[in-house]
């Protein structure tokens, strides 16, 4: 399982760059023979990140705890 992360500097937000770039990474990773899934995590309150994850076709698969900030939602897209 591979994990993907992303961030966009403030002036470039809202233009689809995170979705476009991350989708390319996810599709590349899933084309690799040893990768069966790609995961991403975000906080429940992070609406922009949740939007990217939704547009990537990822499904919620769990929860994990961040050391200082609390609950992280775990999403994944499988082959």
PDB file of N, CA and C in Angstrom:
ATOM      1  N   UNK A   1       0.850  -1.177   0.000  1.00  0.00           N
ATOM      2  CA  UNK A   1       0.000   0.000   0.000  1.00  0.00           C
ATOM      3  C   UNK A   1       0.890   1.232   0.000  1.00  0.00           C
ATOM      4  N   UNK A   2       0.603   2.139  -0.916  1.00  0.00           N
ATOM      5  CA  UNK A   2       1.325   3.411  -0.978  1.00  0.00           C
ATOM      6  C   UNK A   2       0.468   4.482  -0.306  1.00  0.00           C
ATOM      7  N   UNK A   3       1.109   5.517   0.164  1.00  0.00           N
ATOM      8  CA  UNK A   3       0.383   6.645   0.744  1.00  0.00           C
ATOM      9  C   UNK A   3       0.740   7.908  -0.023  1.00  0.00           C
ATOM     10  N   UNK A   4      -0.264   8.726  -0.272  1.00  0.00           N
ATOM     11  CA  UNK A   4      -0.065   9.959  -1.027  1.00  0.00           C
ATOM     12  C   UNK A   4      -0.426  11.144  -0.141  1.00  0.00           C
ATOM     13  N   UNK A   5       0.306  12.225  -0.319  1.00  0.00           N
ATOM     14  CA  UNK A   5       0.015  13.465   0.392  1.00  0.00           C
ATOM     15  C   UNK A   5       0.126  14.624  -0.579  1.00  0.00           C
ATOM     16  N   UNK A   6      -0.454  15.744  -0.218  1.00  0.00           N
ATOM     17  CA  UNK A   6      -0.455  16.889  -1.127  1.00  0.00           C
ATOM     18  C   UNK A   6      -0.639  18.161  -0.327  1.00  0.00           C
ATOM     19  N   UNK A   7      -0.238  19.244  -0.924  1.00  0.00           N
ATOM     20  CA  UNK A   7      -0.439  20.563  -0.347  1.00  0.00           C
ATOM     21  C   UNK A   7      -0.285  21.588  -1.460  1.00  0.00           C
ATOM     22  N   UNK A   8      -1.040  22.628  -1.388  1.00  0.00           N
ATOM     23  CA  UNK A   8      -0.995  23.681  -2.406  1.00  0.00           C
ATOM     24  C   UNK A   8      -0.808  25.017  -1.688  1.00  0.00           C
ATOM     25  N   UNK A   9       0.140  25.798  -2.178  1.00  0.00           N
ATOM     26  CA  UNK A   9       0.357  27.104  -1.562  1.00  0.00           C
ATOM     27  C   UNK A   9      -0.893  27.967  -1.764  1.00  0.00           C
ATOM     28  N   UNK A  10      -1.114  28.852  -0.832  1.00  0.00           N
ATOM     29  CA  UNK A  10      -2.388  29.568  -0.719  1.00  0.00           C
ATOM     30  C   UNK A  10      -2.853  30.259  -2.001  1.00  0.00           C
ATOM     31  N   UNK A  11      -1.985  30.931  -2.721  1.00  0.00           N
ATOM     32  CA  UNK A  11      -2.406  31.662  -3.926  1.00  0.00           C
ATOM     33  C   UNK A  11      -2.878  30.754  -5.054  1.00  0.00           C
ATOM     34  N   UNK A  12      -2.521  29.479  -5.017  1.00  0.00           N
ATOM     35  CA  UNK A  12      -2.874  28.552  -6.099  1.00  0.00           C
ATOM     36  C   UNK A  12      -4.038  27.634  -5.747  1.00  0.00           C
ATOM     37  N   UNK A  13      -4.615  27.815  -4.590  1.00  0.00           N
ATOM     38  CA  UNK A  13      -5.717  26.946  -4.170  1.00  0.00           C
ATOM     39  C   UNK A  13      -6.972  27.199  -4.991  1.00  0.00           C
ATOM     40  N   UNK A  14      -7.801  26.168  -5.093  1.00  0.00           N
ATOM     41  CA  UNK A  14      -9.081  26.296  -5.770  1.00  0.00           C
ATOM     42  C   UNK A  14      -9.007  26.219  -7.286  1.00  0.00           C
ATOM     43  N   UNK A  15      -7.869  25.808  -7.811  1.00  0.00           N
ATOM     44  CA  UNK A  15      -7.701  25.735  -9.255  1.00  0.00           C
ATOM     45  C   UNK A  15      -7.591  24.301  -9.774  1.00  0.00           C
ATOM     46  N   UNK A  16      -7.736  23.329  -8.881  1.00  0.00           N
ATOM     47  CA  UNK A  16      -7.710  21.927  -9.300  1.00  0.00           C
ATOM     48  C   UNK A  16      -6.338  21.298  -9.352  1.00  0.00           C
ATOM     49  N   UNK A  17      -5.302  22.027  -8.935  1.00  0.00           N
ATOM     50  CA  UNK A  17      -3.949  21.484  -9.024  1.00  0.00           C
ATOM     51  C   UNK A  17      -3.742  20.269  -8.126  1.00  0.00           C
ATOM     52  N   UNK A  18      -4.255  20.314  -6.915  1.00  0.00           N
ATOM     53  CA  UNK A  18      -4.080  19.179  -6.001  1.00  0.00           C
ATOM     54  C   UNK A  18      -4.747  17.933  -6.567  1.00  0.00           C
ATOM     55  N   UNK A  19      -5.948  18.089  -7.080  1.00  0.00           N
ATOM     56  CA  UNK A  19      -6.657  16.937  -7.645  1.00  0.00           C
ATOM     57  C   UNK A  19      -5.911  16.391  -8.857  1.00  0.00           C
ATOM     58  N   UNK A  20      -5.538  17.258  -9.770  1.00  0.00           N
ATOM     59  CA  UNK A  20      -4.870  16.808 -11.002  1.00  0.00           C
ATOM     60  C   UNK A  20      -3.546  16.099 -10.709  1.00  0.00           C
ATOM     61  N   UNK A  21      -2.723  16.711  -9.894  1.00  0.00           N
ATOM     62  CA  UNK A  21      -1.409  16.124  -9.600  1.00  0.00           C
ATOM     63  C   UNK A  21      -1.523  14.850  -8.779  1.00  0.00           C
ATOM     64  N   UNK A  22      -2.404  14.859  -7.790  1.00  0.00           N
ATOM     65  CA  UNK A  22      -2.539  13.683  -6.934  1.00  0.00           C
ATOM     66  C   UNK A  22      -3.163  12.529  -7.697  1.00  0.00           C
ATOM     67  N   UNK A  23      -4.123  12.815  -8.574  1.00  0.00           N
ATOM     68  CA  UNK A  23      -4.714  11.764  -9.397  1.00  0.00           C
ATOM     69  C   UNK A  23      -3.645  11.098 -10.265  1.00  0.00           C
ATOM     70  N   UNK A  24      -2.753  11.882 -10.843  1.00  0.00           N
ATOM     71  CA  UNK A  24      -1.667  11.309 -11.645  1.00  0.00           C
ATOM     72  C   UNK A  24      -0.794  10.395 -10.793  1.00  0.00           C
ATOM     73  N   UNK A  25      -0.505  10.800  -9.565  1.00  0.00           N
ATOM     74  CA  UNK A  25       0.310   9.975  -8.659  1.00  0.00           C
ATOM     75  C   UNK A  25      -0.409   8.686  -8.283  1.00  0.00           C
ATOM     76  N   UNK A  26      -1.692   8.792  -7.968  1.00  0.00           N
ATOM     77  CA  UNK A  26      -2.480   7.612  -7.586  1.00  0.00           C
ATOM     78  C   UNK A  26      -2.539   6.624  -8.747  1.00  0.00           C
ATOM     79  N   UNK A  27      -2.842   7.113  -9.935  1.00  0.00           N
ATOM     80  CA  UNK A  27      -2.936   6.217 -11.091  1.00  0.00           C
ATOM     81  C   UNK A  27      -1.590   5.580 -11.414  1.00  0.00           C
ATOM     82  N   UNK A  28      -0.510   6.343 -11.288  1.00  0.00           N
ATOM     83  CA  UNK A  28       0.816   5.775 -11.507  1.00  0.00           C
ATOM     84  C   UNK A  28       1.101   4.680 -10.477  1.00  0.00           C
ATOM     85  N   UNK A  29       0.837   4.970  -9.217  1.00  0.00           N
ATOM     86  CA  UNK A  29       1.115   3.986  -8.163  1.00  0.00           C
ATOM     87  C   UNK A  29       0.313   2.704  -8.379  1.00  0.00           C
ATOM     88  N   UNK A  30      -0.954   2.842  -8.722  1.00  0.00           N
ATOM     89  CA  UNK A  30      -1.787   1.647  -8.918  1.00  0.00           C
ATOM     90  C   UNK A  30      -1.380   0.840 -10.150  1.00  0.00           C
ATOM     91  N   UNK A  31      -0.627   1.429 -11.046  1.00  0.00           N
ATOM     92  CA  UNK A  31      -0.127   0.706 -12.210  1.00  0.00           C
ATOM     93  C   UNK A  31       1.135  -0.098 -11.888  1.00  0.00           C
ATOM     94  N   UNK A  32       1.713   0.115 -10.689  1.00  0.00           N
ATOM     95  CA  UNK A  32       2.917  -0.615 -10.289  1.00  0.00           C
ATOM     96  C   UNK A  32       2.529  -2.008  -9.810  1.00  0.00           C
ATOM     97  N   UNK A  33       3.297  -3.017 -10.164  1.00  0.00           N
ATOM     98  CA  UNK A  33       2.886  -4.398  -9.871  1.00  0.00           C
ATOM     99  C   UNK A  33       2.733  -4.735  -8.383  1.00  0.00           C
ATOM    100  N   UNK A  34       3.476  -4.094  -7.517  1.00  0.00           N
ATOM    101  CA  UNK A  34       3.423  -4.448  -6.097  1.00  0.00           C
ATOM    102  C   UNK A  34       2.484  -3.569  -5.274  1.00  0.00           C
ATOM    103  N   UNK A  35       1.820  -2.620  -5.889  1.00  0.00           N
ATOM    104  CA  UNK A  35       0.919  -1.717  -5.167  1.00  0.00           C
ATOM    105  C   UNK A  35      -0.526  -2.167  -5.397  1.00  0.00           C
ATOM    106  N   UNK A  36      -1.230  -2.450  -4.303  1.00  0.00           N
ATOM    107  CA  UNK A  36      -2.631  -2.880  -4.425  1.00  0.00           C
ATOM    108  C   UNK A  36      -3.607  -1.787  -4.024  1.00  0.00           C
ATOM    109  N   UNK A  37      -3.100  -0.761  -3.339  1.00  0.00           N
ATOM    110  CA  UNK A  37      -3.964   0.335  -2.906  1.00  0.00           C
ATOM    111  C   UNK A  37      -3.111   1.568  -2.640  1.00  0.00           C
ATOM    112  N   UNK A  38      -3.770   2.717  -2.723  1.00  0.00           N
ATOM    113  CA  UNK A  38      -3.143   3.991  -2.354  1.00  0.00           C
ATOM    114  C   UNK A  38      -4.021   4.622  -1.288  1.00  0.00           C
ATOM    115  N   UNK A  39      -3.402   5.071  -0.204  1.00  0.00           N
ATOM    116  CA  UNK A  39      -4.138   5.686   0.894  1.00  0.00           C
ATOM    117  C   UNK A  39      -3.791   7.162   1.024  1.00  0.00           C
ATOM    118  N   UNK A  40      -4.735   7.892   1.612  1.00  0.00           N
ATOM    119  CA  UNK A  40      -4.538   9.293   1.972  1.00  0.00           C
ATOM    120  C   UNK A  40      -5.238   9.519   3.303  1.00  0.00           C
ATOM    121  N   UNK A  41      -4.704  10.410   4.109  1.00  0.00           N
ATOM    122  CA  UNK A  41      -5.338  10.737   5.386  1.00  0.00           C
ATOM    123  C   UNK A  41      -5.604  12.233   5.446  1.00  0.00           C
ATOM    124  N   UNK A  42      -6.644  12.587   6.183  1.00  0.00           N
ATOM    125  CA  UNK A  42      -6.942  13.990   6.419  1.00  0.00           C
ATOM    126  C   UNK A  42      -7.785  14.112   7.673  1.00  0.00           C
ATOM    127  N   UNK A  43      -7.871  15.319   8.171  1.00  0.00           N
ATOM    128  CA  UNK A  43      -8.685  15.580   9.348  1.00  0.00           C
ATOM    129  C   UNK A  43     -10.152  15.757   8.948  1.00  0.00           C
ATOM    130  N   UNK A  44     -11.081  15.384   9.800  1.00  0.00           N
ATOM    131  CA  UNK A  44     -12.503  15.489   9.469  1.00  0.00           C
ATOM    132  C   UNK A  44     -12.950  16.914   9.150  1.00  0.00           C
ATOM    133  N   UNK A  45     -12.254  17.908   9.654  1.00  0.00           N
ATOM    134  CA  UNK A  45     -12.627  19.304   9.449  1.00  0.00           C
ATOM    135  C   UNK A  45     -11.978  19.929   8.221  1.00  0.00           C
ATOM    136  N   UNK A  46     -11.123  19.207   7.507  1.00  0.00           N
ATOM    137  CA  UNK A  46     -10.382  19.778   6.381  1.00  0.00           C
ATOM    138  C   UNK A  46     -11.178  19.594   5.081  1.00  0.00           C
ATOM    139  N   UNK A  47     -12.103  20.520   4.834  1.00  0.00           N
ATOM    140  CA  UNK A  47     -13.045  20.401   3.714  1.00  0.00           C
ATOM    141  C   UNK A  47     -12.343  20.343   2.357  1.00  0.00           C
ATOM    142  N   UNK A  48     -11.321  21.152   2.150  1.00  0.00           N
ATOM    143  CA  UNK A  48     -10.638  21.156   0.856  1.00  0.00           C
ATOM    144  C   UNK A  48      -9.980  19.809   0.583  1.00  0.00           C
ATOM    145  N   UNK A  49      -9.322  19.259   1.583  1.00  0.00           N
ATOM    146  CA  UNK A  49      -8.674  17.963   1.419  1.00  0.00           C
ATOM    147  C   UNK A  49      -9.707  16.854   1.204  1.00  0.00           C
ATOM    148  N   UNK A  50     -10.802  16.919   1.917  1.00  0.00           N
ATOM    149  CA  UNK A  50     -11.873  15.931   1.715  1.00  0.00           C
ATOM    150  C   UNK A  50     -12.416  16.008   0.292  1.00  0.00           C
ATOM    151  N   UNK A  51     -12.481  17.202  -0.272  1.00  0.00           N
ATOM    152  CA  UNK A  51     -12.929  17.355  -1.654  1.00  0.00           C
ATOM    153  C   UNK A  51     -11.968  16.703  -2.635  1.00  0.00           C
ATOM    154  N   UNK A  52     -10.665  16.882  -2.423  1.00  0.00           N
ATOM    155  CA  UNK A  52      -9.668  16.242  -3.278  1.00  0.00           C
ATOM    156  C   UNK A  52      -9.825  14.731  -3.193  1.00  0.00           C
ATOM    157  N   UNK A  53      -9.914  14.218  -1.997  1.00  0.00           N
ATOM    158  CA  UNK A  53     -10.042  12.771  -1.793  1.00  0.00           C
ATOM    159  C   UNK A  53     -11.292  12.233  -2.487  1.00  0.00           C
ATOM    160  N   UNK A  54     -12.387  12.948  -2.373  1.00  0.00           N
ATOM    161  CA  UNK A  54     -13.630  12.514  -3.033  1.00  0.00           C
ATOM    162  C   UNK A  54     -13.441  12.473  -4.547  1.00  0.00           C
ATOM    163  N   UNK A  55     -12.820  13.511  -5.105  1.00  0.00           N
ATOM    164  CA  UNK A  55     -12.618  13.567  -6.554  1.00  0.00           C
ATOM    165  C   UNK A  55     -11.631  12.508  -7.048  1.00  0.00           C
ATOM    166  N   UNK A  56     -10.792  11.989  -6.178  1.00  0.00           N
ATOM    167  CA  UNK A  56      -9.859  10.919  -6.538  1.00  0.00           C
ATOM    168  C   UNK A  56     -10.540   9.551  -6.559  1.00  0.00           C
ATOM    169  N   UNK A  57     -11.772   9.484  -6.094  1.00  0.00           N
ATOM    170  CA  UNK A  57     -12.477   8.207  -6.050  1.00  0.00           C
ATOM    171  C   UNK A  57     -12.075   7.329  -4.885  1.00  0.00           C
ATOM    172  N   UNK A  58     -11.542   7.940  -3.829  1.00  0.00           N
ATOM    173  CA  UNK A  58     -11.131   7.172  -2.657  1.00  0.00           C
ATOM    174  C   UNK A  58     -12.328   6.924  -1.745  1.00  0.00           C
ATOM    175  N   UNK A  59     -12.262   5.815  -1.033  1.00  0.00           N
ATOM    176  CA  UNK A  59     -13.310   5.432  -0.093  1.00  0.00           C
ATOM    177  C   UNK A  59     -12.728   5.401   1.320  1.00  0.00           C
ATOM    178  N   UNK A  60     -13.518   5.801   2.283  1.00  0.00           N
ATOM    179  CA  UNK A  60     -13.058   5.769   3.677  1.00  0.00           C
ATOM    180  C   UNK A  60     -12.867   4.326   4.112  1.00  0.00           C
ATOM    181  N   UNK A  61     -11.718   4.060   4.742  1.00  0.00           N
ATOM    182  CA  UNK A  61     -11.415   2.687   5.158  1.00  0.00           C
ATOM    183  C   UNK A  61     -10.983   2.595   6.619  1.00  0.00           C
ATOM    184  N   UNK A  62     -10.919   3.711   7.323  1.00  0.00           N
ATOM    185  CA  UNK A  62     -10.517   3.630   8.720  1.00  0.00           C
ATOM    186  C   UNK A  62     -10.252   4.988   9.337  1.00  0.00           C
ATOM    187  N   UNK A  63      -9.729   4.913  10.547  1.00  0.00           N
ATOM    188  CA  UNK A  63      -9.404   6.094  11.338  1.00  0.00           C
ATOM    189  C   UNK A  63      -8.093   5.799  12.048  1.00  0.00           C
ATOM    190  N   UNK A  64      -7.264   6.810  12.194  1.00  0.00           N
ATOM    191  CA  UNK A  64      -6.081   6.679  13.043  1.00  0.00           C
ATOM    192  C   UNK A  64      -5.916   7.972  13.817  1.00  0.00           C
ATOM    193  N   UNK A  65      -5.119   7.949  14.841  1.00  0.00           N
ATOM    194  CA  UNK A  65      -4.931   9.118  15.690  1.00  0.00           C
ATOM    195  C   UNK A  65      -3.629   9.830  15.352  1.00  0.00           C
ATOM    196  N   UNK A  66      -3.720  11.135  15.220  1.00  0.00           N
ATOM    197  CA  UNK A  66      -2.539  11.988  15.078  1.00  0.00           C
ATOM    198  C   UNK A  66      -2.042  12.266  16.495  1.00  0.00           C
ATOM    199  N   UNK A  67      -0.724  12.309  16.678  1.00  0.00           N
ATOM    200  CA  UNK A  67      -0.149  12.471  18.016  1.00  0.00           C
ATOM    201  C   UNK A  67      -0.663  13.696  18.762  1.00  0.00           C
ATOM    202  N   UNK A  68      -0.871  14.796  18.069  1.00  0.00           N
ATOM    203  CA  UNK A  68      -1.263  16.020  18.755  1.00  0.00           C
ATOM    204  C   UNK A  68      -2.583  16.629  18.276  1.00  0.00           C
ATOM    205  N   UNK A  69      -3.026  16.288  17.072  1.00  0.00           N
ATOM    206  CA  UNK A  69      -4.196  16.955  16.501  1.00  0.00           C
ATOM    207  C   UNK A  69      -5.463  16.109  16.490  1.00  0.00           C
ATOM    208  N   UNK A  70      -5.379  14.881  16.971  1.00  0.00           N
ATOM    209  CA  UNK A  70      -6.586  14.064  17.087  1.00  0.00           C
ATOM    210  C   UNK A  70      -6.839  13.141  15.905  1.00  0.00           C
ATOM    211  N   UNK A  71      -8.115  12.945  15.614  1.00  0.00           N
ATOM    212  CA  UNK A  71      -8.559  11.948  14.650  1.00  0.00           C
ATOM    213  C   UNK A  71      -8.181  12.288  13.206  1.00  0.00           C
ATOM    214  N   UNK A  72      -7.619  11.299  12.532  1.00  0.00           N
ATOM    215  CA  UNK A  72      -7.333  11.370  11.100  1.00  0.00           C
ATOM    216  C   UNK A  72      -8.199  10.338  10.395  1.00  0.00           C
ATOM    217  N   UNK A  73      -8.876  10.741   9.339  1.00  0.00           N
ATOM    218  CA  UNK A  73      -9.658   9.802   8.539  1.00  0.00           C
ATOM    219  C   UNK A  73      -8.737   9.191   7.491  1.00  0.00           C
ATOM    220  N   UNK A  74      -8.883   7.892   7.274  1.00  0.00           N
ATOM    221  CA  UNK A  74      -8.058   7.183   6.302  1.00  0.00           C
ATOM    222  C   UNK A  74      -8.937   6.782   5.118  1.00  0.00           C
ATOM    223  N   UNK A  75      -8.467   7.095   3.928  1.00  0.00           N
ATOM    224  CA  UNK A  75      -9.182   6.773   2.686  1.00  0.00           C
ATOM    225  C   UNK A  75      -8.243   5.972   1.808  1.00  0.00           C
ATOM    226  N   UNK A  76      -8.833   5.166   0.910  1.00  0.00           N
ATOM    227  CA  UNK A  76      -7.992   4.442  -0.024  1.00  0.00           C
ATOM    228  C   UNK A  76      -8.709   4.207  -1.343  1.00  0.00           C
ATOM    229  N   UNK A  77      -7.891   3.987  -2.348  1.00  0.00           N
ATOM    230  CA  UNK A  77      -8.381   3.574  -3.657  1.00  0.00           C
ATOM    231  C   UNK A  77      -7.596   2.320  -4.013  1.00  0.00           C
ATOM    232  N   UNK A  78      -8.336   1.267  -4.317  1.00  0.00           N
ATOM    233  CA  UNK A  78      -7.723  -0.017  -4.656  1.00  0.00           C
ATOM    234  C   UNK A  78      -7.794  -0.245  -6.154  1.00  0.00           C
ATOM    235  N   UNK A  79      -6.981  -1.181  -6.591  1.00  0.00           N
ATOM    236  CA  UNK A  79      -7.020  -1.577  -8.013  1.00  0.00           C
ATOM    237  C   UNK A  79      -8.378  -2.088  -8.382  1.00  0.00           C
TER     238      UNK A  79
END
